[in-house]
Amino acid sequence: MGRKPGLPPEYRKVFGRAWIGPVFVLTHHAPDDEEDETITLLSDDIRSAVATGLRAAEGKNLLIIGASLARQCLEAGLIDEILVHVAPILLGDGVPFFARKAGEQVA
């Protein structure tokens, strides 16, 4: 889960420990050796995972991180507001948020 070998434990937390609250990771392949007890691994479908997150948020906003996950939520009609944080890609390839052919409706 975003493991960063060589960094102190406080830097391995979500937003460098600036985040306080439940953390859910939707994954197809959960690691057997996850040590962080604050992370809940989910392998549900997108609707179930979002419902779990919304229950945990107790009426507050649910933060969706990742273009693929956000796109799945958008396509399932589960998003009512989008706030996009733009971060330049330094290495590798990113996942397109709007992976649609030109002219195809997004939502």
Foldseek 3Di string as FASTA:
>chain_A
DQDDPPDPPCCSDDVSPPDDFAAEDADCDDDPDDDDPSYHYHPDPLVVVVVVQVVRCVPDDRDDDALVSLLSCQVVVNDDDDDDDDDDDDDDDGDDNQPDDPPDDRD
